[in-house]
Amino acid sequence: MSWHLHVDSDRCIGSGMCAGAAPDLFALDDDHARPVNEHIENDDRALEASDICPMLAITVRDADGKEIGPRD
């Protein structure tokens, strides 16, 4: 199974917390973060990054399209 990563550029403030937590999954471009690859193998670091994002700009979806991150 694979997951889909999305960063909402309207919400992202470029704090870099996601890139710091998972530098192979997220990168900073100018003032915003972006996923290095939108489709990844299941990786709990993606969920952790979505959880710690101060603006809740990162969404992680499973292969069925169900939102699994950020977690409550």
PDB file of N, CA and C in Angstrom:
ATOM      1  N   MET A   1       0.842  -1.190   0.000  1.00  0.00           N
ATOM      2  CA  MET A   1       0.000   0.000   0.000  1.00  0.00           C
ATOM      3  C   MET A   1       0.876   1.238   0.000  1.00  0.00           C
ATOM      4  N   SER A   2       0.309   2.316  -0.497  1.00  0.00           N
ATOM      5  CA  SER A   2       1.049   3.571  -0.518  1.00  0.00           C
ATOM      6  C   SER A   2       0.179   4.689   0.039  1.00  0.00           C
ATOM      7  N   TRP A   3       0.848   5.747   0.410  1.00  0.00           N
ATOM      8  CA  TRP A   3       0.175   6.929   0.941  1.00  0.00           C
ATOM      9  C   TRP A   3       0.402   8.091  -0.005  1.00  0.00           C
ATOM     10  N   HIS A   4      -0.506   9.069   0.067  1.00  0.00           N
ATOM     11  CA  HIS A   4      -0.405  10.283  -0.728  1.00  0.00           C
ATOM     12  C   HIS A   4      -0.168  11.453   0.228  1.00  0.00           C
ATOM     13  N   LEU A   5       0.861  12.253  -0.057  1.00  0.00           N
ATOM     14  CA  LEU A   5       1.190  13.424   0.759  1.00  0.00           C
ATOM     15  C   LEU A   5       0.775  14.686   0.022  1.00  0.00           C
ATOM     16  N   HIS A   6       0.217  15.627   0.775  1.00  0.00           N
ATOM     17  CA  HIS A   6      -0.166  16.921   0.196  1.00  0.00           C
ATOM     18  C   HIS A   6       0.154  18.011   1.211  1.00  0.00           C
ATOM     19  N   VAL A   7       0.745  19.097   0.726  1.00  0.00           N
ATOM     20  CA  VAL A   7       0.983  20.280   1.548  1.00  0.00           C
ATOM     21  C   VAL A   7       0.146  21.412   0.968  1.00  0.00           C
ATOM     22  N   ASP A   8      -0.734  21.972   1.779  1.00  0.00           N
ATOM     23  CA  ASP A   8      -1.578  23.096   1.368  1.00  0.00           C
ATOM     24  C   ASP A   8      -0.727  24.365   1.418  1.00  0.00           C
ATOM     25  N   SER A   9      -0.336  24.861   0.258  1.00  0.00           N
ATOM     26  CA  SER A   9       0.551  26.024   0.202  1.00  0.00           C
ATOM     27  C   SER A   9      -0.111  27.291   0.722  1.00  0.00           C
ATOM     28  N   ASP A  10      -1.439  27.324   0.768  1.00  0.00           N
ATOM     29  CA  ASP A  10      -2.126  28.484   1.333  1.00  0.00           C
ATOM     30  C   ASP A  10      -2.011  28.513   2.856  1.00  0.00           C
ATOM     31  N   ARG A  11      -1.832  27.357   3.463  1.00  0.00           N
ATOM     32  CA  ARG A  11      -1.721  27.277   4.926  1.00  0.00           C
ATOM     33  C   ARG A  11      -0.274  27.239   5.398  1.00  0.00           C
ATOM     34  N   CYS A  12       0.616  26.669   4.584  1.00  0.00           N
ATOM     35  CA  CYS A  12       2.005  26.455   4.980  1.00  0.00           C
ATOM     36  C   CYS A  12       2.719  27.792   5.207  1.00  0.00           C
ATOM     37  N   ILE A  13       3.430  27.879   6.341  1.00  0.00           N
ATOM     38  CA  ILE A  13       4.210  29.081   6.646  1.00  0.00           C
ATOM     39  C   ILE A  13       5.709  28.834   6.505  1.00  0.00           C
ATOM     40  N   GLY A  14       6.078  27.633   6.052  1.00  0.00           N
ATOM     41  CA  GLY A  14       7.494  27.326   5.831  1.00  0.00           C
ATOM     42  C   GLY A  14       8.305  27.198   7.099  1.00  0.00           C
ATOM     43  N   SER A  15       7.703  26.676   8.163  1.00  0.00           N
ATOM     44  CA  SER A  15       8.434  26.535   9.428  1.00  0.00           C
ATOM     45  C   SER A  15       9.590  25.545   9.319  1.00  0.00           C
ATOM     46  N   GLY A  16       9.486  24.602   8.403  1.00  0.00           N
ATOM     47  CA  GLY A  16      10.545  23.615   8.212  1.00  0.00           C
ATOM     48  C   GLY A  16      10.490  22.438   9.168  1.00  0.00           C
ATOM     49  N   MET A  17       9.480  22.394  10.008  1.00  0.00           N
ATOM     50  CA  MET A  17       9.390  21.296  10.969  1.00  0.00           C
ATOM     51  C   MET A  17       9.246  19.950  10.269  1.00  0.00           C
ATOM     52  N   CYS A  18       8.493  19.918   9.176  1.00  0.00           N
ATOM     53  CA  CYS A  18       8.313  18.661   8.435  1.00  0.00           C
ATOM     54  C   CYS A  18       9.628  18.208   7.810  1.00  0.00           C
ATOM     55  N   ALA A  19      10.347  19.135   7.195  1.00  0.00           N
ATOM     56  CA  ALA A  19      11.623  18.802   6.571  1.00  0.00           C
ATOM     57  C   ALA A  19      12.657  18.392   7.613  1.00  0.00           C
ATOM     58  N   GLY A  20      12.573  18.978   8.790  1.00  0.00           N
ATOM     59  CA  GLY A  20      13.479  18.579   9.865  1.00  0.00           C
ATOM     60  C   GLY A  20      13.175  17.188  10.391  1.00  0.00           C
ATOM     61  N   ALA A  21      11.886  16.853  10.453  1.00  0.00           N
ATOM     62  CA  ALA A  21      11.474  15.549  10.977  1.00  0.00           C
ATOM     63  C   ALA A  21      11.661  14.437   9.951  1.00  0.00           C
ATOM     64  N   ALA A  22      11.493  14.755   8.677  1.00  0.00           N
ATOM     65  CA  ALA A  22      11.576  13.744   7.614  1.00  0.00           C
ATOM     66  C   ALA A  22      12.155  14.381   6.349  1.00  0.00           C
ATOM     67  N   PRO A  23      13.471  14.657   6.332  1.00  0.00           N
ATOM     68  CA  PRO A  23      14.061  15.376   5.204  1.00  0.00           C
ATOM     69  C   PRO A  23      14.000  14.637   3.868  1.00  0.00           C
ATOM     70  N   ASP A  24      13.818  13.334   3.901  1.00  0.00           N
ATOM     71  CA  ASP A  24      13.682  12.613   2.641  1.00  0.00           C
ATOM     72  C   ASP A  24      12.238  12.596   2.138  1.00  0.00           C
ATOM     73  N   LEU A  25      11.298  13.078   2.974  1.00  0.00           N
ATOM     74  CA  LEU A  25       9.892  13.136   2.578  1.00  0.00           C
ATOM     75  C   LEU A  25       9.426  14.543   2.239  1.00  0.00           C
ATOM     76  N   PHE A  26      10.026  15.571   2.892  1.00  0.00           N
ATOM     77  CA  PHE A  26       9.600  16.959   2.701  1.00  0.00           C
ATOM     78  C   PHE A  26      10.804  17.857   2.460  1.00  0.00           C
ATOM     79  N   ALA A  27      10.603  18.864   1.611  1.00  0.00           N
ATOM     80  CA  ALA A  27      11.640  19.848   1.315  1.00  0.00           C
ATOM     81  C   ALA A  27      11.026  21.236   1.367  1.00  0.00           C
ATOM     82  N   LEU A  28      11.879  22.238   1.592  1.00  0.00           N
ATOM     83  CA  LEU A  28      11.428  23.629   1.582  1.00  0.00           C
ATOM     84  C   LEU A  28      11.812  24.271   0.262  1.00  0.00           C
ATOM     85  N   ASP A  29      10.857  24.887  -0.393  1.00  0.00           N
ATOM     86  CA  ASP A  29      11.080  25.663  -1.611  1.00  0.00           C
ATOM     87  C   ASP A  29      10.602  27.075  -1.324  1.00  0.00           C
ATOM     88  N   ASP A  30      11.510  28.012  -1.381  1.00  0.00           N
ATOM     89  CA  ASP A  30      11.166  29.398  -1.076  1.00  0.00           C
ATOM     90  C   ASP A  30      10.527  29.475   0.307  1.00  0.00           C
ATOM     91  N   ASP A  31       9.247  29.817   0.369  1.00  0.00           N
ATOM     92  CA  ASP A  31       8.586  30.017   1.658  1.00  0.00           C
ATOM     93  C   ASP A  31       7.654  28.885   2.048  1.00  0.00           C
ATOM     94  N   HIS A  32       7.644  27.787   1.285  1.00  0.00           N
ATOM     95  CA  HIS A  32       6.690  26.713   1.548  1.00  0.00           C
ATOM     96  C   HIS A  32       7.365  25.345   1.494  1.00  0.00           C
ATOM     97  N   ALA A  33       6.755  24.423   2.193  1.00  0.00           N
ATOM     98  CA  ALA A  33       7.203  23.031   2.123  1.00  0.00           C
ATOM     99  C   ALA A  33       6.485  22.333   0.983  1.00  0.00           C
ATOM    100  N   ARG A  34       7.071  21.233   0.555  1.00  0.00           N
ATOM    101  CA  ARG A  34       6.455  20.390  -0.466  1.00  0.00           C
ATOM    102  C   ARG A  34       6.903  18.955  -0.200  1.00  0.00           C
ATOM    103  N   PRO A  35       6.078  17.997  -0.613  1.00  0.00           N
ATOM    104  CA  PRO A  35       6.531  16.615  -0.503  1.00  0.00           C
ATOM    105  C   PRO A  35       7.605  16.342  -1.562  1.00  0.00           C
ATOM    106  N   VAL A  36       8.630  15.608  -1.195  1.00  0.00           N
ATOM    107  CA  VAL A  36       9.647  15.219  -2.171  1.00  0.00           C
ATOM    108  C   VAL A  36       8.999  14.332  -3.228  1.00  0.00           C
ATOM    109  N   ASN A  37       8.153  13.414  -2.791  1.00  0.00           N
ATOM    110  CA  ASN A  37       7.325  12.584  -3.672  1.00  0.00           C
ATOM    111  C   ASN A  37       5.920  12.589  -3.101  1.00  0.00           C
ATOM    112  N   GLU A  38       4.928  12.753  -3.945  1.00  0.00           N
ATOM    113  CA  GLU A  38       3.555  12.777  -3.454  1.00  0.00           C
ATOM    114  C   GLU A  38       3.071  11.396  -3.030  1.00  0.00           C
ATOM    115  N   HIS A  39       3.586  10.355  -3.669  1.00  0.00           N
ATOM    116  CA  HIS A  39       3.192   8.988  -3.335  1.00  0.00           C
ATOM    117  C   HIS A  39       4.378   8.298  -2.672  1.00  0.00           C
ATOM    118  N   ILE A  40       4.154   7.794  -1.479  1.00  0.00           N
ATOM    119  CA  ILE A  40       5.218   7.134  -0.722  1.00  0.00           C
ATOM    120  C   ILE A  40       4.711   5.799  -0.195  1.00  0.00           C
ATOM    121  N   GLU A  41       5.652   4.946   0.167  1.00  0.00           N
ATOM    122  CA  GLU A  41       5.293   3.750   0.916  1.00  0.00           C
ATOM    123  C   GLU A  41       4.918   4.201   2.327  1.00  0.00           C
ATOM    124  N   ASN A  42       4.108   3.417   2.995  1.00  0.00           N
ATOM    125  CA  ASN A  42       3.685   3.762   4.357  1.00  0.00           C
ATOM    126  C   ASN A  42       4.912   4.114   5.199  1.00  0.00           C
ATOM    127  N   ASP A  43       4.862   5.274   5.832  1.00  0.00           N
ATOM    128  CA  ASP A  43       5.990   5.766   6.622  1.00  0.00           C
ATOM    129  C   ASP A  43       5.440   6.616   7.760  1.00  0.00           C
ATOM    130  N   ASP A  44       5.593   6.132   8.977  1.00  0.00           N
ATOM    131  CA  ASP A  44       5.058   6.846  10.136  1.00  0.00           C
ATOM    132  C   ASP A  44       5.634   8.241  10.296  1.00  0.00           C
ATOM    133  N   ARG A  45       6.795   8.506   9.715  1.00  0.00           N
ATOM    134  CA  ARG A  45       7.370   9.858   9.807  1.00  0.00           C
ATOM    135  C   ARG A  45       6.500  10.874   9.081  1.00  0.00           C
ATOM    136  N   ALA A  46       5.787  10.449   8.044  1.00  0.00           N
ATOM    137  CA  ALA A  46       4.863  11.352   7.346  1.00  0.00           C
ATOM    138  C   ALA A  46       3.727  11.746   8.281  1.00  0.00           C
ATOM    139  N   LEU A  47       3.216  10.788   9.047  1.00  0.00           N
ATOM    140  CA  LEU A  47       2.166  11.093  10.020  1.00  0.00           C
ATOM    141  C   LEU A  47       2.684  12.017  11.111  1.00  0.00           C
ATOM    142  N   GLU A  48       3.902  11.749  11.582  1.00  0.00           N
ATOM    143  CA  GLU A  48       4.494  12.611  12.608  1.00  0.00           C
ATOM    144  C   GLU A  48       4.654  14.037  12.088  1.00  0.00           C
ATOM    145  N   ALA A  49       5.108  14.175  10.843  1.00  0.00           N
ATOM    146  CA  ALA A  49       5.279  15.510  10.255  1.00  0.00           C
ATOM    147  C   ALA A  49       3.939  16.226  10.149  1.00  0.00           C
ATOM    148  N   SER A  50       2.896  15.509   9.759  1.00  0.00           N
ATOM    149  CA  SER A  50       1.580  16.149   9.658  1.00  0.00           C
ATOM    150  C   SER A  50       1.066  16.545  11.037  1.00  0.00           C
ATOM    151  N   ASP A  51       1.400  15.749  12.049  1.00  0.00           N
ATOM    152  CA  ASP A  51       0.971  16.057  13.415  1.00  0.00           C
ATOM    153  C   ASP A  51       1.659  17.297  13.976  1.00  0.00           C
ATOM    154  N   ILE A  52       2.942  17.497  13.648  1.00  0.00           N
ATOM    155  CA  ILE A  52       3.692  18.606  14.252  1.00  0.00           C
ATOM    156  C   ILE A  52       3.622  19.894  13.447  1.00  0.00           C
ATOM    157  N   CYS A  53       3.044  19.849  12.263  1.00  0.00           N
ATOM    158  CA  CYS A  53       2.934  21.061  11.451  1.00  0.00           C
ATOM    159  C   CYS A  53       2.111  22.098  12.215  1.00  0.00           C
ATOM    160  N   PRO A  54       2.679  23.282  12.480  1.00  0.00           N
ATOM    161  CA  PRO A  54       1.957  24.279  13.279  1.00  0.00           C
ATOM    162  C   PRO A  54       0.690  24.814  12.603  1.00  0.00           C
ATOM    163  N   MET A  55       0.606  24.694  11.285  1.00  0.00           N
ATOM    164  CA  MET A  55      -0.556  25.199  10.549  1.00  0.00           C
ATOM    165  C   MET A  55      -1.465  24.079  10.049  1.00  0.00           C
ATOM    166  N   LEU A  56      -1.147  22.830  10.404  1.00  0.00           N
ATOM    167  CA  LEU A  56      -1.907  21.663   9.938  1.00  0.00           C
ATOM    168  C   LEU A  56      -2.055  21.693   8.416  1.00  0.00           C
ATOM    169  N   ALA A  57      -0.954  22.018   7.742  1.00  0.00           N
ATOM    170  CA  ALA A  57      -0.966  22.149   6.288  1.00  0.00           C
ATOM    171  C   ALA A  57      -0.697  20.841   5.557  1.00  0.00           C
ATOM    172  N   ILE A  58      -0.282  19.807   6.282  1.00  0.00           N
ATOM    173  CA  ILE A  58       0.077  18.533   5.650  1.00  0.00           C
ATOM    174  C   ILE A  58      -1.058  17.535   5.822  1.00  0.00           C
ATOM    175  N   THR A  59      -1.464  16.946   4.711  1.00  0.00           N
ATOM    176  CA  THR A  59      -2.481  15.901   4.726  1.00  0.00           C
ATOM    177  C   THR A  59      -1.849  14.608   4.221  1.00  0.00           C
ATOM    178  N   VAL A  60      -2.104  13.526   4.940  1.00  0.00           N
ATOM    179  CA  VAL A  60      -1.658  12.202   4.520  1.00  0.00           C
ATOM    180  C   VAL A  60      -2.914  11.375   4.269  1.00  0.00           C
ATOM    181  N   ARG A  61      -2.992  10.757   3.091  1.00  0.00           N
ATOM    182  CA  ARG A  61      -4.132   9.900   2.747  1.00  0.00           C
ATOM    183  C   ARG A  61      -3.626   8.496   2.429  1.00  0.00           C
ATOM    184  N   ASP A  62      -4.435   7.508   2.807  1.00  0.00           N
ATOM    185  CA  ASP A  62      -4.072   6.131   2.500  1.00  0.00           C
ATOM    186  C   ASP A  62      -4.427   5.813   1.051  1.00  0.00           C
ATOM    187  N   ALA A  63      -4.173   4.583   0.634  1.00  0.00           N
ATOM    188  CA  ALA A  63      -4.395   4.185  -0.762  1.00  0.00           C
ATOM    189  C   ALA A  63      -5.853   4.300  -1.183  1.00  0.00           C
ATOM    190  N   ASP A  64      -6.769   4.259  -0.220  1.00  0.00           N
ATOM    191  CA  ASP A  64      -8.193   4.391  -0.521  1.00  0.00           C
ATOM    192  C   ASP A  64      -8.658   5.844  -0.527  1.00  0.00           C
ATOM    193  N   GLY A  65      -7.751   6.786  -0.241  1.00  0.00           N
ATOM    194  CA  GLY A  65      -8.104   8.201  -0.211  1.00  0.00           C
ATOM    195  C   GLY A  65      -8.580   8.700   1.128  1.00  0.00           C
ATOM    196  N   LYS A  66      -8.579   7.830   2.149  1.00  0.00           N
ATOM    197  CA  LYS A  66      -9.012   8.224   3.484  1.00  0.00           C
ATOM    198  C   LYS A  66      -7.904   9.038   4.166  1.00  0.00           C
ATOM    199  N   GLU A  67      -8.297  10.172   4.741  1.00  0.00           N
ATOM    200  CA  GLU A  67      -7.336  11.008   5.463  1.00  0.00           C
ATOM    201  C   GLU A  67      -6.911  10.302   6.743  1.00  0.00           C
ATOM    202  N   ILE A  68      -5.603  10.088   6.889  1.00  0.00           N
ATOM    203  CA  ILE A  68      -5.071   9.441   8.091  1.00  0.00           C
ATOM    204  C   ILE A  68      -4.145  10.358   8.875  1.00  0.00           C
ATOM    205  N   GLY A  69      -3.829  11.505   8.342  1.00  0.00           N
ATOM    206  CA  GLY A  69      -2.993  12.472   9.039  1.00  0.00           C
ATOM    207  C   GLY A  69      -3.366  13.869   8.582  1.00  0.00           C
ATOM    208  N   PRO A  70      -3.346  14.817   9.473  1.00  0.00           N
ATOM    209  CA  PRO A  70      -2.884  14.693  10.861  1.00  0.00           C
ATOM    210  C   PRO A  70      -3.848  13.898  11.728  1.00  0.00           C
ATOM    211  N   ARG A  71      -3.265  13.306  12.737  1.00  0.00           N
ATOM    212  CA  ARG A  71      -4.067  12.520  13.671  1.00  0.00           C
ATOM    213  C   ARG A  71      -4.607  13.426  14.764  1.00  0.00           C
ATOM    214  N   ASP A  72      -5.742  13.053  15.301  1.00  0.00           N
ATOM    215  CA  ASP A  72      -6.370  13.841  16.377  1.00  0.00           C
ATOM    216  C   ASP A  72      -5.622  13.690  17.666  1.00  0.00           C
TER     217      ASP A  72
END
